């Protein structure tokens, strides 16, 4: 049965997400720290030093990486509570208490200790809700999160929000899978991960020019034998040139757009000074 990405993660993937992405959240955070540092992400000086937003944070690999890079206040947004709880556990001692649904201001930042603020919210509209114009020096939307938005028109709207939220010189980092070229035949079947207890495979079904249906098949070993859990959801088909053009339409300068690690493409855009 086809569902939204949010429902699919709630029903199937969230409980297995860290396992399917390697199984070691802190090792993943170290990898992301190195990648973001290489892409020029840093707190930096200016009117909004050391504030960052992680859109689609999941269990928090990028959030922890931003903290390691020296960001003072990180708002981590996701639609899934299971993943936000995992982030809170991993970042124990640095998570801020629940705060009002208002943009960050100097008064809400507290004192000297760094703080991670997990927020359960739709990514669409999250930036104007939780930040002030020009109020952050970095926004990351990584791990193929962008392709989970419900419609392609949601992408330029999110980029426009990012352009307003970033301080001059602030950076937006996006990683995503480019699914614009259809795979054919058995190449559509993609092994994700397997071990003695779990096997996850997906296959792709191209619906139209803008979306591909992702079907996940998860086998889990139980005392009674193997059980199969299935589900599917649509992903957006986003190409590098299209995404770069939408960034420019939003007033951002694209400074990097190239293939990156784990089959993901990486795009970095900067707010003009």
C-alpha atoms as a PDB file:
ATOM      1  CA  UNK A   1       0.000   0.000   0.000  1.00  0.00           C
ATOM      2  CA  UNK A   2       1.341   3.402  -0.986  1.00  0.00           C
ATOM      3  CA  UNK A   3       1.622   5.965   1.818  1.00  0.00           C
ATOM      4  CA  UNK A   4       3.430   9.233   2.394  1.00  0.00           C
ATOM      5  CA  UNK A   5       7.072   9.163   3.432  1.00  0.00           C
ATOM      6  CA  UNK A   6       6.040  10.305   6.917  1.00  0.00           C
ATOM      7  CA  UNK A   7       3.591   7.406   7.372  1.00  0.00           C
ATOM      8  CA  UNK A   8       6.009   4.906   5.829  1.00  0.00           C
ATOM      9  CA  UNK A   9       8.712   5.809   8.333  1.00  0.00           C
ATOM     10  CA  UNK A  10       6.185   5.645  11.170  1.00  0.00           C
ATOM     11  CA  UNK A  11       4.977   2.184  10.150  1.00  0.00           C
ATOM     12  CA  UNK A  12       8.171   0.564   8.915  1.00  0.00           C
ATOM     13  CA  UNK A  13      11.517   2.327   8.689  1.00  0.00           C
ATOM     14  CA  UNK A  14      11.988   4.447  11.817  1.00  0.00           C
ATOM     15  CA  UNK A  15      12.598   1.495  14.125  1.00  0.00           C
ATOM     16  CA  UNK A  16      15.322   0.216  11.790  1.00  0.00           C
ATOM     17  CA  UNK A  17      16.729   3.489  10.432  1.00  0.00           C
ATOM     18  CA  UNK A  18      20.031   3.610  12.314  1.00  0.00           C
ATOM     19  CA  UNK A  19      20.639  -0.060  11.511  1.00  0.00           C
ATOM     20  CA  UNK A  20      19.910   0.425   7.807  1.00  0.00           C
ATOM     21  CA  UNK A  21      22.303   3.387   7.618  1.00  0.00           C
ATOM     22  CA  UNK A  22      25.195   1.498   9.208  1.00  0.00           C
ATOM     23  CA  UNK A  23      24.265   0.847  12.819  1.00  0.00           C
ATOM     24  CA  UNK A  24      26.627   3.299  14.531  1.00  0.00           C
ATOM     25  CA  UNK A  25      25.179   6.783  14.963  1.00  0.00           C
ATOM     26  CA  UNK A  26      28.333   8.313  16.448  1.00  0.00           C
ATOM     27  CA  UNK A  27      30.516   6.929  13.640  1.00  0.00           C
ATOM     28  CA  UNK A  28      28.049   8.395  11.142  1.00  0.00           C
ATOM     29  CA  UNK A  29      28.265  11.730  12.973  1.00  0.00           C
ATOM     30  CA  UNK A  30      32.048  11.699  12.645  1.00  0.00           C
ATOM     31  CA  UNK A  31      31.731  11.110   8.888  1.00  0.00           C
ATOM     32  CA  UNK A  32      29.257  13.964   8.588  1.00  0.00           C
ATOM     33  CA  UNK A  33      31.495  16.260  10.640  1.00  0.00           C
ATOM     34  CA  UNK A  34      34.329  15.673   8.184  1.00  0.00           C
ATOM     35  CA  UNK A  35      32.033  16.206   5.184  1.00  0.00           C
ATOM     36  CA  UNK A  36      30.516  19.441   6.505  1.00  0.00           C
ATOM     37  CA  UNK A  37      33.946  20.776   7.441  1.00  0.00           C
ATOM     38  CA  UNK A  38      35.154  19.995   3.900  1.00  0.00           C
ATOM     39  CA  UNK A  39      32.121  21.862   2.512  1.00  0.00           C
ATOM     40  CA  UNK A  40      33.038  24.982   4.474  1.00  0.00           C
ATOM     41  CA  UNK A  41      30.337  24.782   7.143  1.00  0.00           C
ATOM     42  CA  UNK A  42      31.356  26.601  10.316  1.00  0.00           C
ATOM     43  CA  UNK A  43      29.705  28.836  12.927  1.00  0.00           C
ATOM     44  CA  UNK A  44      31.549  31.902  11.712  1.00  0.00           C
ATOM     45  CA  UNK A  45      31.296  35.504  12.852  1.00  0.00           C
ATOM     46  CA  UNK A  46      28.411  37.854  12.210  1.00  0.00           C
ATOM     47  CA  UNK A  47      24.982  38.687  13.589  1.00  0.00           C
ATOM     48  CA  UNK A  48      23.904  35.035  13.834  1.00  0.00           C
ATOM     49  CA  UNK A  49      26.998  33.105  14.920  1.00  0.00           C
ATOM     50  CA  UNK A  50      26.719  29.480  15.886  1.00  0.00           C
ATOM     51  CA  UNK A  51      23.043  28.884  15.089  1.00  0.00           C
ATOM     52  CA  UNK A  52      22.102  26.050  12.724  1.00  0.00           C
ATOM     53  CA  UNK A  53      19.071  24.042  11.592  1.00  0.00           C
ATOM     54  CA  UNK A  54      18.994  20.367  10.637  1.00  0.00           C
ATOM     55  CA  UNK A  55      15.941  19.687   8.451  1.00  0.00           C
ATOM     56  CA  UNK A  56      14.968  16.017   8.427  1.00  0.00           C
ATOM     57  CA  UNK A  57      17.418  15.270  11.220  1.00  0.00           C
ATOM     58  CA  UNK A  58      16.454  11.614  11.724  1.00  0.00           C
ATOM     59  CA  UNK A  59      18.383  10.132  14.668  1.00  0.00           C
ATOM     60  CA  UNK A  60      20.837  13.016  14.498  1.00  0.00           C
ATOM     61  CA  UNK A  61      24.060  12.247  12.612  1.00  0.00           C
ATOM     62  CA  UNK A  62      24.127  15.727  11.074  1.00  0.00           C
ATOM     63  CA  UNK A  63      22.866  17.393  14.261  1.00  0.00           C
ATOM     64  CA  UNK A  64      25.719  15.872  16.258  1.00  0.00           C
ATOM     65  CA  UNK A  65      28.126  16.879  13.494  1.00  0.00           C
ATOM     66  CA  UNK A  66      26.968  20.504  13.688  1.00  0.00           C
ATOM     67  CA  UNK A  67      27.522  20.426  17.448  1.00  0.00           C
ATOM     68  CA  UNK A  68      31.020  19.015  16.913  1.00  0.00           C
ATOM     69  CA  UNK A  69      31.759  21.861  14.505  1.00  0.00           C
ATOM     70  CA  UNK A  70      31.002  24.395  17.238  1.00  0.00           C
ATOM     71  CA  UNK A  71      27.448  25.525  16.577  1.00  0.00           C
ATOM     72  CA  UNK A  72      25.941  26.899  19.761  1.00  0.00           C
ATOM     73  CA  UNK A  73      22.239  26.281  19.131  1.00  0.00           C
ATOM     74  CA  UNK A  74      20.918  23.640  16.741  1.00  0.00           C
ATOM     75  CA  UNK A  75      17.254  23.166  15.914  1.00  0.00           C
ATOM     76  CA  UNK A  76      16.725  19.585  14.707  1.00  0.00           C
ATOM     77  CA  UNK A  77      13.455  19.073  12.828  1.00  0.00           C
ATOM     78  CA  UNK A  78      11.828  15.783  11.870  1.00  0.00           C
ATOM     79  CA  UNK A  79       8.325  14.375  11.508  1.00  0.00           C
ATOM     80  CA  UNK A  80       9.120  11.123  13.338  1.00  0.00           C
ATOM     81  CA  UNK A  81       9.120  11.008  17.138  1.00  0.00           C
ATOM     82  CA  UNK A  82      11.004   7.691  17.330  1.00  0.00           C
ATOM     83  CA  UNK A  83      13.963   9.222  15.507  1.00  0.00           C
ATOM     84  CA  UNK A  84      13.808  12.428  17.548  1.00  0.00           C
ATOM     85  CA  UNK A  85      13.855  10.349  20.744  1.00  0.00           C
ATOM     86  CA  UNK A  86      16.941   8.542  19.462  1.00  0.00           C
ATOM     87  CA  UNK A  87      18.612  11.886  18.802  1.00  0.00           C
ATOM     88  CA  UNK A  88      17.720  13.108  22.290  1.00  0.00           C
ATOM     89  CA  UNK A  89      19.284  10.012  23.811  1.00  0.00           C
ATOM     90  CA  UNK A  90      22.448  10.367  21.727  1.00  0.00           C
ATOM     91  CA  UNK A  91      22.719  14.049  22.632  1.00  0.00           C
ATOM     92  CA  UNK A  92      21.843  13.602  26.304  1.00  0.00           C
ATOM     93  CA  UNK A  93      22.930  16.643  28.286  1.00  0.00           C
ATOM     94  CA  UNK A  94      22.860  18.993  25.294  1.00  0.00           C
ATOM     95  CA  UNK A  95      19.154  18.924  24.415  1.00  0.00           C
ATOM     96  CA  UNK A  96      17.269  22.090  25.257  1.00  0.00           C
ATOM     97  CA  UNK A  97      13.938  21.833  27.072  1.00  0.00           C
ATOM     98  CA  UNK A  98      10.768  22.225  25.057  1.00  0.00           C
ATOM     99  CA  UNK A  99      10.429  25.806  23.881  1.00  0.00           C
ATOM    100  CA  UNK A 100       7.503  27.856  22.555  1.00  0.00           C
ATOM    101  CA  UNK A 101       6.691  27.661  18.853  1.00  0.00           C
ATOM    102  CA  UNK A 102       8.520  30.911  18.125  1.00  0.00           C
ATOM    103  CA  UNK A 103      11.706  31.860  16.291  1.00  0.00           C
ATOM    104  CA  UNK A 104      14.950  31.753  18.235  1.00  0.00           C
ATOM    105  CA  UNK A 105      16.027  35.064  19.728  1.00  0.00           C
ATOM    106  CA  UNK A 106      19.016  35.871  21.930  1.00  0.00           C
ATOM    107  CA  UNK A 107      16.694  35.697  24.958  1.00  0.00           C
ATOM    108  CA  UNK A 108      15.633  32.108  24.168  1.00  0.00           C
ATOM    109  CA  UNK A 109      19.153  30.793  23.669  1.00  0.00           C
ATOM    110  CA  UNK A 110      19.991  30.569  27.366  1.00  0.00           C
ATOM    111  CA  UNK A 111      23.537  30.837  28.612  1.00  0.00           C
ATOM    112  CA  UNK A 112      26.881  29.426  27.623  1.00  0.00           C
ATOM    113  CA  UNK A 113      26.128  25.713  27.184  1.00  0.00           C
ATOM    114  CA  UNK A 114      25.530  24.443  23.630  1.00  0.00           C
ATOM    115  CA  UNK A 115      21.980  23.209  23.097  1.00  0.00           C
ATOM    116  CA  UNK A 116      20.256  20.865  20.653  1.00  0.00           C
ATOM    117  CA  UNK A 117      16.531  21.441  20.276  1.00  0.00           C
ATOM    118  CA  UNK A 118      14.632  18.472  18.747  1.00  0.00           C
ATOM    119  CA  UNK A 119      11.353  19.570  17.154  1.00  0.00           C
ATOM    120  CA  UNK A 120       8.639  17.386  15.682  1.00  0.00           C
ATOM    121  CA  UNK A 121       7.272  19.356  12.730  1.00  0.00           C
ATOM    122  CA  UNK A 122       6.630  19.336   9.016  1.00  0.00           C
ATOM    123  CA  UNK A 123       9.702  20.590   7.173  1.00  0.00           C
ATOM    124  CA  UNK A 124       7.453  22.800   5.073  1.00  0.00           C
ATOM    125  CA  UNK A 125       7.209  26.055   6.966  1.00  0.00           C
ATOM    126  CA  UNK A 126       9.546  24.967   9.751  1.00  0.00           C
ATOM    127  CA  UNK A 127      12.166  27.625   9.060  1.00  0.00           C
ATOM    128  CA  UNK A 128       9.851  30.639   9.459  1.00  0.00           C
ATOM    129  CA  UNK A 129       8.352  29.011  12.565  1.00  0.00           C
ATOM    130  CA  UNK A 130      11.606  28.311  14.373  1.00  0.00           C
ATOM    131  CA  UNK A 131      14.059  30.918  13.074  1.00  0.00           C
ATOM    132  CA  UNK A 132      14.225  34.652  12.476  1.00  0.00           C
ATOM    133  CA  UNK A 133      15.155  36.191   9.096  1.00  0.00           C
ATOM    134  CA  UNK A 134      18.941  36.155   8.786  1.00  0.00           C
ATOM    135  CA  UNK A 135      19.086  34.234  12.053  1.00  0.00           C
ATOM    136  CA  UNK A 136      21.155  31.146  11.250  1.00  0.00           C
ATOM    137  CA  UNK A 137      24.576  30.545   9.763  1.00  0.00           C
ATOM    138  CA  UNK A 138      23.941  26.994   8.482  1.00  0.00           C
ATOM    139  CA  UNK A 139      21.008  24.896   7.312  1.00  0.00           C
ATOM    140  CA  UNK A 140      21.469  21.241   6.392  1.00  0.00           C
ATOM    141  CA  UNK A 141      18.896  19.023   4.687  1.00  0.00           C
ATOM    142  CA  UNK A 142      20.733  15.741   4.182  1.00  0.00           C
ATOM    143  CA  UNK A 143      20.353  11.987   3.797  1.00  0.00           C
ATOM    144  CA  UNK A 144      17.897  12.244   0.867  1.00  0.00           C
ATOM    145  CA  UNK A 145      15.392  14.190   2.976  1.00  0.00           C
ATOM    146  CA  UNK A 146      14.548  16.652   0.195  1.00  0.00           C
ATOM    147  CA  UNK A 147      13.121  13.916  -2.047  1.00  0.00           C
ATOM    148  CA  UNK A 148      10.647  12.988   0.728  1.00  0.00           C
ATOM    149  CA  UNK A 149       8.705  16.242   0.349  1.00  0.00           C
ATOM    150  CA  UNK A 150       5.164  15.586  -0.878  1.00  0.00           C
ATOM    151  CA  UNK A 151       5.344  17.651  -4.086  1.00  0.00           C
ATOM    152  CA  UNK A 152       8.033  19.119  -6.294  1.00  0.00           C
ATOM    153  CA  UNK A 153       6.633  22.624  -5.746  1.00  0.00           C
ATOM    154  CA  UNK A 154       7.524  22.216  -2.062  1.00  0.00           C
ATOM    155  CA  UNK A 155      11.233  22.323  -2.957  1.00  0.00           C
ATOM    156  CA  UNK A 156      11.462  25.945  -4.201  1.00  0.00           C
ATOM    157  CA  UNK A 157       9.270  27.018  -1.269  1.00  0.00           C
ATOM    158  CA  UNK A 158      11.696  25.422   1.199  1.00  0.00           C
ATOM    159  CA  UNK A 159      14.683  26.982  -0.589  1.00  0.00           C
ATOM    160  CA  UNK A 160      13.053  30.405  -0.375  1.00  0.00           C
ATOM    161  CA  UNK A 161      12.550  29.875   3.364  1.00  0.00           C
ATOM    162  CA  UNK A 162      16.227  28.895   3.672  1.00  0.00           C
ATOM    163  CA  UNK A 163      17.356  32.009   1.813  1.00  0.00           C
ATOM    164  CA  UNK A 164      15.386  34.193   4.241  1.00  0.00           C
ATOM    165  CA  UNK A 165      16.644  32.354   7.326  1.00  0.00           C
ATOM    166  CA  UNK A 166      20.354  32.405   6.443  1.00  0.00           C
ATOM    167  CA  UNK A 167      22.652  35.179   7.585  1.00  0.00           C
ATOM    168  CA  UNK A 168      24.867  36.730   4.890  1.00  0.00           C
ATOM    169  CA  UNK A 169      27.493  34.144   4.000  1.00  0.00           C
ATOM    170  CA  UNK A 170      25.486  31.359   5.659  1.00  0.00           C
ATOM    171  CA  UNK A 171      25.466  27.960   3.985  1.00  0.00           C
ATOM    172  CA  UNK A 172      22.750  25.563   2.895  1.00  0.00           C
ATOM    173  CA  UNK A 173      23.891  21.951   2.410  1.00  0.00           C
ATOM    174  CA  UNK A 174      21.624  19.441   0.667  1.00  0.00           C
ATOM    175  CA  UNK A 175      22.327  15.792  -0.086  1.00  0.00           C
ATOM    176  CA  UNK A 176      19.913  13.768  -2.196  1.00  0.00           C
ATOM    177  CA  UNK A 177      19.642  10.884  -4.637  1.00  0.00           C
ATOM    178  CA  UNK A 178      19.270  11.853  -8.272  1.00  0.00           C
ATOM    179  CA  UNK A 179      16.532   9.526  -9.520  1.00  0.00           C
ATOM    180  CA  UNK A 180      15.924  11.366 -12.784  1.00  0.00           C
ATOM    181  CA  UNK A 181      17.447   8.570 -14.909  1.00  0.00           C
ATOM    182  CA  UNK A 182      15.252   5.474 -14.631  1.00  0.00           C
ATOM    183  CA  UNK A 183      16.838   2.152 -13.801  1.00  0.00           C
ATOM    184  CA  UNK A 184      15.559  -0.801 -15.815  1.00  0.00           C
ATOM    185  CA  UNK A 185      14.920  -4.481 -15.201  1.00  0.00           C
ATOM    186  CA  UNK A 186      16.642  -6.067 -12.227  1.00  0.00           C
ATOM    187  CA  UNK A 187      18.750  -2.917 -11.731  1.00  0.00           C
ATOM    188  CA  UNK A 188      15.626  -1.504 -10.021  1.00  0.00           C
ATOM    189  CA  UNK A 189      16.167  -3.944  -7.112  1.00  0.00           C
ATOM    190  CA  UNK A 190      18.545  -2.407  -4.576  1.00  0.00           C
ATOM    191  CA  UNK A 191      19.970  -4.214  -1.544  1.00  0.00           C
ATOM    192  CA  UNK A 192      20.116  -1.812   1.404  1.00  0.00           C
ATOM    193  CA  UNK A 193      21.588  -3.860   4.254  1.00  0.00           C
ATOM    194  CA  UNK A 194      21.496  -7.346   5.698  1.00  0.00           C
ATOM    195  CA  UNK A 195      22.795  -9.287   8.661  1.00  0.00           C
ATOM    196  CA  UNK A 196      21.829 -12.449  10.521  1.00  0.00           C
ATOM    197  CA  UNK A 197      18.649 -10.828  11.890  1.00  0.00           C
ATOM    198  CA  UNK A 198      17.411  -8.436   9.208  1.00  0.00           C
ATOM    199  CA  UNK A 199      17.417  -8.073   5.428  1.00  0.00           C
ATOM    200  CA  UNK A 200      16.261  -4.870   3.750  1.00  0.00           C
ATOM    201  CA  UNK A 201      15.796  -4.589  -0.008  1.00  0.00           C
ATOM    202  CA  UNK A 202      13.953  -1.994  -2.042  1.00  0.00           C
ATOM    203  CA  UNK A 203      12.835  -1.764  -5.628  1.00  0.00           C
ATOM    204  CA  UNK A 204      11.874   1.278  -7.685  1.00  0.00           C
ATOM    205  CA  UNK A 205       8.795   1.851  -9.817  1.00  0.00           C
ATOM    206  CA  UNK A 206       8.815   4.996 -11.947  1.00  0.00           C
ATOM    207  CA  UNK A 207       5.380   6.615 -11.757  1.00  0.00           C
ATOM    208  CA  UNK A 208       5.825   9.835 -13.730  1.00  0.00           C
ATOM    209  CA  UNK A 209       8.367  12.529 -14.576  1.00  0.00           C
ATOM    210  CA  UNK A 210       8.391  13.871 -11.017  1.00  0.00           C
ATOM    211  CA  UNK A 211       8.112  10.811  -8.751  1.00  0.00           C
ATOM    212  CA  UNK A 212       9.359   7.268  -8.240  1.00  0.00           C
ATOM    213  CA  UNK A 213       7.630   4.733  -6.013  1.00  0.00           C
ATOM    214  CA  UNK A 214      10.009   3.117  -3.499  1.00  0.00           C
ATOM    215  CA  UNK A 215       8.915  -0.336  -2.310  1.00  0.00           C
ATOM    216  CA  UNK A 216      10.679  -1.589   0.841  1.00  0.00           C
ATOM    217  CA  UNK A 217      10.845  -5.272   1.742  1.00  0.00           C
ATOM    218  CA  UNK A 218      12.136  -5.919   5.251  1.00  0.00           C
ATOM    219  CA  UNK A 219      12.695  -9.487   6.467  1.00  0.00           C
ATOM    220  CA  UNK A 220      13.087  -9.812  10.245  1.00  0.00           C
ATOM    221  CA  UNK A 221      14.124 -13.049  11.985  1.00  0.00           C
ATOM    222  CA  UNK A 222      11.895 -14.079  14.888  1.00  0.00           C
ATOM    223  CA  UNK A 223      11.923 -17.207  17.093  1.00  0.00           C
ATOM    224  CA  UNK A 224       9.271 -18.615  14.744  1.00  0.00           C
ATOM    225  CA  UNK A 225      11.215 -17.829  11.575  1.00  0.00           C
ATOM    226  CA  UNK A 226      11.472 -14.974   9.111  1.00  0.00           C
ATOM    227  CA  UNK A 227       8.671 -12.405   8.810  1.00  0.00           C
ATOM    228  CA  UNK A 228       8.219 -10.023   5.896  1.00  0.00           C
ATOM    229  CA  UNK A 229       7.212  -6.369   6.392  1.00  0.00           C
ATOM    230  CA  UNK A 230       6.458  -4.258   3.320  1.00  0.00           C
ATOM    231  CA  UNK A 231       5.468  -0.754   2.388  1.00  0.00           C
ATOM    232  CA  UNK A 232       5.942   1.869  -0.294  1.00  0.00           C
ATOM    233  CA  UNK A 233       6.054   5.632  -0.649  1.00  0.00           C
ATOM    234  CA  UNK A 234       6.803   8.192  -3.385  1.00  0.00           C
ATOM    235  CA  UNK A 235      10.082  10.030  -3.742  1.00  0.00           C
ATOM    236  CA  UNK A 236      10.698  13.116  -5.815  1.00  0.00           C
ATOM    237  CA  UNK A 237      12.934  12.905  -8.877  1.00  0.00           C
ATOM    238  CA  UNK A 238      15.271  15.881  -8.516  1.00  0.00           C
ATOM    239  CA  UNK A 239      18.144  16.624 -10.875  1.00  0.00           C
ATOM    240  CA  UNK A 240      21.241  18.640 -10.046  1.00  0.00           C
ATOM    241  CA  UNK A 241      20.690  21.350 -12.670  1.00  0.00           C
ATOM    242  CA  UNK A 242      17.045  21.798 -11.674  1.00  0.00           C
ATOM    243  CA  UNK A 243      17.912  22.073  -7.983  1.00  0.00           C
ATOM    244  CA  UNK A 244      20.764  24.502  -8.639  1.00  0.00           C
ATOM    245  CA  UNK A 245      18.452  26.697 -10.710  1.00  0.00           C
ATOM    246  CA  UNK A 246      15.840  26.716  -7.937  1.00  0.00           C
ATOM    247  CA  UNK A 247      18.536  27.799  -5.450  1.00  0.00           C
ATOM    248  CA  UNK A 248      19.488  30.673  -7.719  1.00  0.00           C
ATOM    249  CA  UNK A 249      15.822  31.623  -8.104  1.00  0.00           C
ATOM    250  CA  UNK A 250      15.715  31.908  -4.299  1.00  0.00           C
ATOM    251  CA  UNK A 251      18.680  34.271  -4.334  1.00  0.00           C
ATOM    252  CA  UNK A 252      21.338  31.782  -3.231  1.00  0.00           C
ATOM    253  CA  UNK A 253      24.732  31.307  -4.851  1.00  0.00           C
ATOM    254  CA  UNK A 254      25.538  27.679  -5.694  1.00  0.00           C
ATOM    255  CA  UNK A 255      29.194  27.034  -4.836  1.00  0.00           C
ATOM    256  CA  UNK A 256      29.283  23.235  -5.025  1.00  0.00           C
ATOM    257  CA  UNK A 257      27.193  20.636  -6.870  1.00  0.00           C
ATOM    258  CA  UNK A 258      28.707  17.188  -7.401  1.00  0.00           C
ATOM    259  CA  UNK A 259      28.327  13.497  -6.594  1.00  0.00           C
ATOM    260  CA  UNK A 260      29.153  12.716  -2.981  1.00  0.00           C
ATOM    261  CA  UNK A 261      29.470   9.748  -0.603  1.00  0.00           C
ATOM    262  CA  UNK A 262      27.076   6.766  -0.463  1.00  0.00           C
ATOM    263  CA  UNK A 263      25.551   7.476  -3.867  1.00  0.00           C
ATOM    264  CA  UNK A 264      24.210  10.872  -2.808  1.00  0.00           C
ATOM    265  CA  UNK A 265      24.639  14.144  -4.666  1.00  0.00           C
ATOM    266  CA  UNK A 266      25.820  17.159  -2.675  1.00  0.00           C
ATOM    267  CA  UNK A 267      24.788  20.753  -3.257  1.00  0.00           C
ATOM    268  CA  UNK A 268      26.045  23.753  -1.283  1.00  0.00           C
ATOM    269  CA  UNK A 269      24.528  27.214  -1.668  1.00  0.00           C
ATOM    270  CA  UNK A 270      25.517  30.437   0.088  1.00  0.00           C
ATOM    271  CA  UNK A 271      23.435  33.452   1.078  1.00  0.00           C
ATOM    272  CA  UNK A 272      24.902  36.580  -0.535  1.00  0.00           C
ATOM    273  CA  UNK A 273      26.794  39.031   1.629  1.00  0.00           C
END
